Amino acid sequence: MLALSRIERSPLFLLAGVGTSFLLAGLALWLSNYPALQGTGFGALTLAMLLGLLAGNLTSERIHGLLGAGLQFCKQPVLRFGVALYGLRLTVQQVQALGVQAFVIDAVLILSTMGLAIWMGTRVLRLELETAILIGAGHAICGAAAILASAGLVKGRNDQVAVAIACVVLFGTLGMLLYPWLFTLMPTLFGDSHGFGVFAGATLHEVAQVVAAGQAMDPQAAEAAVVAKLIRVLLLAPFLLGLGFWLARRSAPGRAAAPVKVPLFVIGFVACMLLNSWLPLPEAMHQTMIGLDDLLLAAAMGALGFSTRLADLCNAGIKPLLLAFVLTTQLIILGGALSLI
């Protein structure tokens, strides 16, 4: 057993696990650009997780053990670096251009969605706190990326992360298909197409889903939807800080909370956003960095999927889906009401 443990920790098998994750990521990125899949809302991150699930569940436990160290490396350092680089997709100017209304709507929706997720998930449905937080984060902020970023703070298991992502994919895809149809019927439901776009960006889950829904609307709605969504992405950093503070207080009730250390990837996220705002990279280099970030996040998703057993997902039952349905409904109703104000 000792010999086996040494083999599993060897650099060769570490590289094999990392290589497997990046191979899954590369395949997912290639598939996401395939004409038949473009416009479906299934982005590279979701595809990487699905490919990882397929490969991992067709692989023996022995292979899982040998690749484990490399997979874990992709689920931690690689993921954190990818989350930090995600800030290159934002600028302070984009936030200012959309105005205070979109920021307020996003902030209210994030707080209300997380509060509802924790209360209903733990008190009503009796889910584990980690599962409730991850499902809430995915709905409230930016889908799979927010779930992955939050998983390190709550120490979520692979099956909990996979269930949360599955919920986001299912209900986000339904919204992605519903919103363009609703826009066709009532384009001025929120005053004009810009208002409808803000509503879409503030309530749909994944960035890919927002882009796909926006492309099915008019250009004004599409632009507003994407920028409103990016504001939610921007709020990922303060959300993670608040979540860390809340978890620290919760772990020590009745006592002063221990100082909350700001995760380095959160600092990196903000730094990348400021760099992109004030010292923008040349366009070719910027696109290269975005492509690198897509690859890193997809590798983390591939490693996550590979490490997750379908039996663990089945054991989760219907409760996570019920929570996701309630959160999606709340986002639509409250987001619609705030957009009309």
Protein backbone atom coordinates (compact mmCIF):
# COMPACT_ATOMS: atom_id res chain seq x y z
CA MET A 1 0.00 0.00 0.00
CA LEU A 2 2.87 2.34 0.83
CA ALA A 3 4.47 1.59 -2.54
CA LEU A 4 1.21 2.33 -4.32
CA SER A 5 0.88 5.64 -2.48
CA ARG A 6 4.38 6.64 -3.58
CA ILE A 7 3.57 5.77 -7.20
CA GLU A 8 0.39 7.84 -7.13
CA ARG A 9 2.37 10.86 -5.89
CA SER A 10 5.15 10.56 -8.48
CA PRO A 11 5.72 13.49 -10.87
CA LEU A 12 4.91 11.27 -13.84
CA PHE A 13 1.39 10.57 -12.64
CA LEU A 14 0.96 14.17 -11.51
CA LEU A 15 1.65 15.21 -15.10
CA ALA A 16 -0.68 12.48 -16.36
CA GLY A 17 -3.57 13.85 -14.27
CA VAL A 18 -2.86 17.42 -15.37
CA GLY A 19 -2.55 16.29 -18.98
CA THR A 20 -5.86 14.45 -18.81
CA SER A 21 -7.59 17.56 -17.47
CA PHE A 22 -6.16 19.80 -20.19
CA LEU A 23 -6.98 17.24 -22.87
CA LEU A 24 -10.61 17.31 -21.75
CA ALA A 25 -10.46 21.12 -21.70
CA GLY A 26 -9.07 21.32 -25.23
CA LEU A 27 -11.75 18.97 -26.55
CA ALA A 28 -14.46 20.99 -24.79
CA LEU A 29 -13.18 24.27 -26.26
CA TRP A 30 -13.13 22.71 -29.72
CA LEU A 31 -16.66 21.37 -29.34
CA SER A 32 -17.95 24.71 -28.03
CA ASN A 33 -17.02 26.27 -31.38
CA TYR A 34 -18.71 23.50 -33.36
CA PRO A 35 -21.58 25.02 -35.41
CA ALA A 36 -24.15 22.54 -34.12
CA LEU A 37 -23.43 23.54 -30.50
CA GLN A 38 -23.03 27.29 -30.92
CA GLY A 39 -26.05 29.19 -29.66
CA THR A 40 -27.16 26.35 -27.39
CA GLY A 41 -25.76 28.00 -24.24
CA PHE A 42 -23.61 24.96 -23.49
CA GLY A 43 -20.26 26.68 -23.10
CA ALA A 44 -16.82 25.16 -22.80
CA LEU A 45 -17.03 24.88 -18.99
CA THR A 46 -20.21 22.81 -19.06
CA LEU A 47 -18.92 20.65 -21.91
CA ALA A 48 -15.64 20.04 -20.04
CA MET A 49 -17.52 18.83 -16.98
CA LEU A 50 -19.74 16.54 -19.08
CA LEU A 51 -16.74 15.09 -20.90
CA GLY A 52 -14.98 14.59 -17.57
CA LEU A 53 -18.02 12.84 -16.13
CA LEU A 54 -18.17 10.50 -19.12
CA ALA A 55 -14.45 9.70 -19.06
CA GLY A 56 -14.24 9.38 -15.29
CA ASN A 57 -17.19 7.02 -14.99
CA LEU A 58 -15.75 4.77 -17.70
CA THR A 59 -12.39 4.60 -15.92
CA SER A 60 -11.34 2.14 -13.23
CA GLU A 61 -10.65 3.08 -9.62
CA ARG A 62 -7.01 2.17 -10.19
CA ILE A 63 -6.65 4.84 -12.90
CA HIS A 64 -8.48 7.35 -10.71
CA GLY A 65 -5.92 6.75 -7.98
CA LEU A 66 -3.00 7.21 -10.34
CA LEU A 67 -4.39 10.45 -11.81
CA GLY A 68 -5.67 11.82 -8.50
CA ALA A 69 -2.79 14.19 -7.68
CA GLY A 70 -2.90 15.84 -11.11
CA LEU A 71 -6.67 16.17 -11.02
CA GLN A 72 -6.46 17.78 -7.58
CA PHE A 73 -3.84 20.22 -8.85
CA CYS A 74 -6.24 21.34 -11.59
CA LYS A 75 -9.12 21.68 -9.13
CA GLN A 76 -7.10 23.98 -6.86
CA PRO A 77 -4.11 26.06 -8.12
CA VAL A 78 -5.17 25.95 -11.79
CA LEU A 79 -8.74 26.88 -10.88
CA ARG A 80 -7.68 29.79 -8.66
CA PHE A 81 -5.43 31.21 -11.36
CA GLY A 82 -8.29 30.90 -13.85
CA VAL A 83 -10.69 32.74 -11.54
CA ALA A 84 -8.14 35.55 -11.13
CA LEU A 85 -7.72 35.92 -14.90
CA TYR A 86 -11.50 36.10 -15.25
CA GLY A 87 -11.18 39.76 -14.22
CA LEU A 88 -9.67 40.53 -17.64
CA ARG A 89 -13.20 40.28 -19.06
CA LEU A 90 -14.32 43.38 -17.13
CA THR A 91 -13.55 47.08 -17.07
CA VAL A 92 -14.55 49.84 -14.69
CA GLN A 93 -15.81 51.75 -17.74
CA GLN A 94 -18.33 49.01 -18.57
CA VAL A 95 -19.74 49.19 -15.08
CA GLN A 96 -20.00 52.99 -15.17
CA ALA A 97 -21.66 52.95 -18.60
CA LEU A 98 -24.54 50.77 -17.44
CA GLY A 99 -25.35 53.02 -14.49
CA VAL A 100 -26.37 52.56 -10.89
CA GLN A 101 -29.66 50.77 -11.65
CA ALA A 102 -28.04 47.61 -13.00
CA PHE A 103 -25.58 47.50 -10.10
CA VAL A 104 -28.36 47.85 -7.51
CA ILE A 105 -30.50 45.21 -9.23
CA ASP A 106 -27.58 42.76 -9.33
CA ALA A 107 -26.61 43.40 -5.69
CA VAL A 108 -30.19 42.95 -4.44
CA LEU A 109 -30.63 39.76 -6.46
CA ILE A 110 -27.37 38.26 -5.21
CA LEU A 111 -28.18 38.95 -1.54
CA SER A 112 -31.78 37.76 -1.79
CA THR A 113 -30.89 34.66 -3.80
CA MET A 114 -28.16 33.60 -1.38
CA GLY A 115 -30.37 34.25 1.64
CA LEU A 116 -33.20 32.21 0.14
CA ALA A 117 -30.82 29.41 -0.91
CA ILE A 118 -29.36 29.01 2.57
CA TRP A 119 -32.71 29.30 4.38
CA MET A 120 -34.74 27.04 2.12
CA GLY A 121 -31.88 24.64 1.40
CA THR A 122 -31.00 23.95 5.04
CA ARG A 123 -34.24 24.64 6.91
CA VAL A 124 -36.94 23.45 4.49
CA LEU A 125 -35.26 20.89 2.25
CA ARG A 126 -32.66 19.76 4.81
CA LEU A 127 -29.81 19.89 2.34
CA GLU A 128 -26.21 20.14 3.46
CA LEU A 129 -25.12 23.75 3.91
CA GLU A 130 -22.36 23.36 1.34
CA THR A 131 -24.82 22.17 -1.31
CA ALA A 132 -27.22 25.04 -0.61
CA ILE A 133 -24.43 27.65 -0.80
CA LEU A 134 -23.05 26.27 -4.07
CA ILE A 135 -26.46 26.13 -5.75
CA GLY A 136 -27.17 29.64 -4.51
CA ALA A 137 -23.83 30.99 -5.76
CA GLY A 138 -24.35 29.48 -9.20
CA HIS A 139 -27.78 31.07 -9.54
CA ALA A 140 -26.89 34.39 -7.94
CA ILE A 141 -23.66 35.25 -9.74
CA CYS A 142 -22.13 33.53 -12.74
CA GLY A 143 -22.96 29.86 -12.89
CA ALA A 144 -20.16 27.30 -12.92
CA ALA A 145 -17.37 29.84 -12.37
CA ALA A 146 -19.00 31.09 -9.14
CA ILE A 147 -19.63 27.53 -7.96
CA LEU A 148 -16.01 26.59 -8.51
CA ALA A 149 -14.76 29.75 -6.80
CA SER A 150 -17.07 29.17 -3.80
CA ALA A 151 -16.25 25.48 -3.47
CA GLY A 152 -12.82 26.20 -2.01
CA LEU A 153 -14.29 28.36 0.75
CA VAL A 154 -17.05 25.94 1.77
CA LYS A 155 -14.85 22.86 1.16
CA GLY A 156 -17.52 21.33 -1.02
CA ARG A 157 -17.22 17.74 -2.18
CA ASN A 158 -17.01 16.81 -5.86
CA ASP A 159 -20.59 15.50 -5.92
CA GLN A 160 -21.92 18.70 -4.28
CA VAL A 161 -20.17 20.86 -6.86
CA ALA A 162 -21.38 18.68 -9.73
CA VAL A 163 -24.99 18.77 -8.50
CA ALA A 164 -24.87 22.57 -8.23
CA ILE A 165 -23.50 22.88 -11.77
CA ALA A 166 -26.13 20.49 -13.11
CA CYS A 167 -28.87 22.67 -11.58
CA VAL A 168 -27.41 25.83 -13.14
CA VAL A 169 -27.12 24.19 -16.56
CA LEU A 170 -30.69 22.86 -16.50
CA PHE A 171 -32.56 25.96 -15.35
CA GLY A 172 -30.22 28.44 -17.04
CA THR A 173 -30.75 26.68 -20.36
CA LEU A 174 -34.53 26.79 -19.91
CA GLY A 175 -34.28 30.54 -19.25
CA MET A 176 -31.99 31.00 -22.24
CA LEU A 177 -34.68 29.48 -24.48
CA LEU A 178 -37.58 31.30 -22.78
CA TYR A 179 -36.22 34.87 -22.76
CA PRO A 180 -35.86 35.41 -26.55
CA TRP A 181 -39.38 34.06 -27.03
CA LEU A 182 -40.69 36.42 -24.34
CA PHE A 183 -38.74 39.30 -25.93
CA THR A 184 -40.36 38.55 -29.29
CA LEU A 185 -43.82 38.73 -27.72
CA MET A 186 -43.18 41.77 -25.50
CA PRO A 187 -39.99 43.65 -26.48
CA THR A 188 -41.00 46.71 -24.45
CA LEU A 189 -41.99 44.77 -21.32
CA PHE A 190 -39.31 46.64 -19.34
CA GLY A 191 -39.64 49.98 -21.11
CA ASP A 192 -37.36 49.22 -24.07
CA SER A 193 -35.02 46.53 -25.34
CA HIS A 194 -32.22 47.94 -23.15
CA GLY A 195 -34.34 47.34 -20.06
CA PHE A 196 -35.14 43.82 -21.22
CA GLY A 197 -31.43 43.18 -21.71
CA VAL A 198 -30.63 44.33 -18.17
CA PHE A 199 -33.32 41.95 -16.89
CA ALA A 200 -31.84 39.05 -18.88
CA GLY A 201 -28.28 39.73 -17.75
CA ALA A 202 -29.35 40.09 -14.12
CA THR A 203 -31.32 36.83 -13.98
CA LEU A 204 -29.75 34.25 -16.31
CA HIS A 205 -27.07 32.05 -14.78
CA GLU A 206 -24.13 31.37 -17.11
CA VAL A 207 -22.28 33.98 -19.18
CA ALA A 208 -22.65 31.66 -22.19
CA GLN A 209 -26.40 31.51 -21.64
CA VAL A 210 -26.63 35.31 -21.51
CA VAL A 211 -24.62 35.63 -24.72
CA ALA A 212 -26.76 33.05 -26.50
CA ALA A 213 -30.02 34.67 -25.34
CA GLY A 214 -28.73 38.15 -26.25
CA GLN A 215 -27.84 37.06 -29.77
CA ALA A 216 -31.46 36.01 -30.26
CA MET A 217 -32.66 39.52 -29.30
CA ASP A 218 -31.72 42.87 -30.85
CA PRO A 219 -28.21 44.42 -30.51
CA GLN A 220 -29.25 46.92 -27.82
CA ALA A 221 -30.75 44.19 -25.62
CA ALA A 222 -27.74 41.92 -26.23
CA GLU A 223 -25.21 44.57 -25.17
CA ALA A 224 -27.13 45.50 -22.04
CA ALA A 225 -27.57 41.83 -21.11
CA VAL A 226 -23.86 41.06 -21.38
CA VAL A 227 -22.75 44.11 -19.38
CA ALA A 228 -25.37 43.48 -16.68
CA LYS A 229 -24.06 39.93 -16.46
CA LEU A 230 -20.48 41.14 -16.21
CA ILE A 231 -21.46 43.33 -13.25
CA ARG A 232 -22.61 40.14 -11.51
CA VAL A 233 -19.21 38.65 -12.33
CA LEU A 234 -17.56 41.73 -10.82
CA LEU A 235 -19.55 41.18 -7.62
CA LEU A 236 -17.99 37.72 -7.31
CA ALA A 237 -15.02 39.21 -5.43
CA PRO A 238 -16.98 40.98 -2.65
CA PHE A 239 -19.35 38.01 -2.51
CA LEU A 240 -16.46 35.64 -1.75
CA LEU A 241 -15.15 38.00 0.92
CA GLY A 242 -18.59 38.21 2.52
CA LEU A 243 -19.04 34.44 2.33
CA GLY A 244 -15.68 33.87 4.00
CA PHE A 245 -16.56 36.32 6.79
CA TRP A 246 -19.98 34.69 7.33
CA LEU A 247 -18.48 31.20 7.47
CA ALA A 248 -15.86 32.37 9.97
CA ARG A 249 -18.53 33.93 12.21
CA ARG A 250 -20.70 30.83 11.92
CA SER A 251 -17.86 28.52 12.94
CA ALA A 252 -17.31 30.50 16.16
CA PRO A 253 -20.76 31.63 17.44
CA GLY A 254 -20.73 34.05 20.36
CA ARG A 255 -17.12 34.95 19.81
CA ALA A 256 -15.37 37.53 17.72
CA ALA A 257 -14.73 36.10 14.29
CA ALA A 258 -11.19 35.35 13.31
CA PRO A 259 -9.77 37.72 10.72
CA VAL A 260 -10.87 36.70 7.24
CA LYS A 261 -7.93 36.29 4.93
CA VAL A 262 -8.59 37.64 1.46
CA PRO A 263 -7.96 34.77 -0.98
CA LEU A 264 -5.16 35.59 -3.40
CA PHE A 265 -7.32 34.71 -6.38
CA VAL A 266 -9.85 37.38 -5.31
CA ILE A 267 -7.08 39.97 -5.20
CA GLY A 268 -5.92 38.71 -8.57
CA PHE A 269 -9.44 39.00 -9.99
CA VAL A 270 -9.71 42.67 -8.95
CA ALA A 271 -6.17 43.41 -10.12
CA CYS A 272 -6.88 41.95 -13.56
CA MET A 273 -10.04 44.03 -13.85
CA LEU A 274 -8.17 47.23 -12.94
CA LEU A 275 -5.37 46.33 -15.35
CA ASN A 276 -7.89 45.80 -18.11
CA SER A 277 -9.47 49.17 -17.27
CA TRP A 278 -6.43 51.42 -16.93
CA LEU A 279 -3.60 49.64 -18.78
CA PRO A 280 -5.39 47.62 -21.42
CA LEU A 281 -3.39 44.96 -23.22
CA PRO A 282 -3.08 44.98 -27.01
CA GLU A 283 -6.14 43.32 -28.52
CA ALA A 284 -4.27 40.24 -29.74
CA MET A 285 -2.66 39.70 -26.32
CA HIS A 286 -5.97 40.31 -24.54
CA GLN A 287 -7.70 37.67 -26.63
CA THR A 288 -4.82 35.28 -25.96
CA MET A 289 -5.20 35.79 -22.21
CA ILE A 290 -8.95 35.24 -22.42
CA GLY A 291 -8.30 32.05 -24.36
CA LEU A 292 -5.80 30.93 -21.72
CA ASP A 293 -8.35 31.64 -19.00
CA ASP A 294 -10.99 29.61 -20.83
CA LEU A 295 -8.51 26.74 -21.03
CA LEU A 296 -7.60 26.90 -17.32
CA LEU A 297 -11.22 27.01 -16.15
CA ALA A 298 -12.19 24.23 -18.55
CA ALA A 299 -9.30 22.10 -17.24
CA ALA A 300 -10.60 22.59 -13.69
CA MET A 301 -14.09 21.58 -14.84
CA GLY A 302 -12.73 18.55 -16.64
CA ALA A 303 -10.87 17.46 -13.51
CA LEU A 304 -13.99 17.99 -11.43
CA GLY A 305 -16.13 15.94 -13.79
CA PHE A 306 -13.54 13.16 -13.98
CA SER A 307 -13.44 12.94 -10.17
CA THR A 308 -17.23 12.75 -9.80
CA ARG A 309 -19.19 9.51 -9.80
CA LEU A 310 -22.69 9.46 -11.30
CA ALA A 311 -23.85 7.40 -8.35
CA ASP A 312 -23.05 10.36 -6.09
CA LEU A 313 -25.22 12.62 -8.26
CA CYS A 314 -28.12 10.17 -8.18
CA ASN A 315 -27.89 9.99 -4.40
CA ALA A 316 -28.55 13.74 -4.20
CA GLY A 317 -32.20 13.15 -5.16
CA ILE A 318 -34.76 15.74 -6.21
CA LYS A 319 -34.18 18.27 -3.42
CA PRO A 320 -31.39 20.21 -5.19
CA LEU A 321 -33.62 20.53 -8.27
CA LEU A 322 -36.46 21.87 -6.12
CA LEU A 323 -34.14 24.47 -4.63
CA ALA A 324 -32.86 25.44 -8.08
CA PHE A 325 -36.44 25.81 -9.37
CA VAL A 326 -37.38 28.10 -6.48
CA LEU A 327 -34.24 30.22 -6.93
CA THR A 328 -34.80 30.57 -10.67
CA THR A 329 -38.43 31.58 -10.09
CA GLN A 330 -37.34 34.12 -7.48
CA LEU A 331 -34.76 35.60 -9.85
CA ILE A 332 -37.35 36.03 -12.61
CA ILE A 333 -40.03 37.55 -10.37
CA LEU A 334 -37.82 39.82 -8.27
CA GLY A 335 -35.53 40.69 -11.19
CA GLY A 336 -38.55 41.60 -13.29
CA ALA A 337 -40.04 43.75 -10.53
CA LEU A 338 -36.76 45.61 -9.96
CA SER A 339 -36.32 46.20 -13.70
CA LEU A 340 -39.76 47.83 -13.86
CA ILE A 341 -39.00 50.31 -11.08
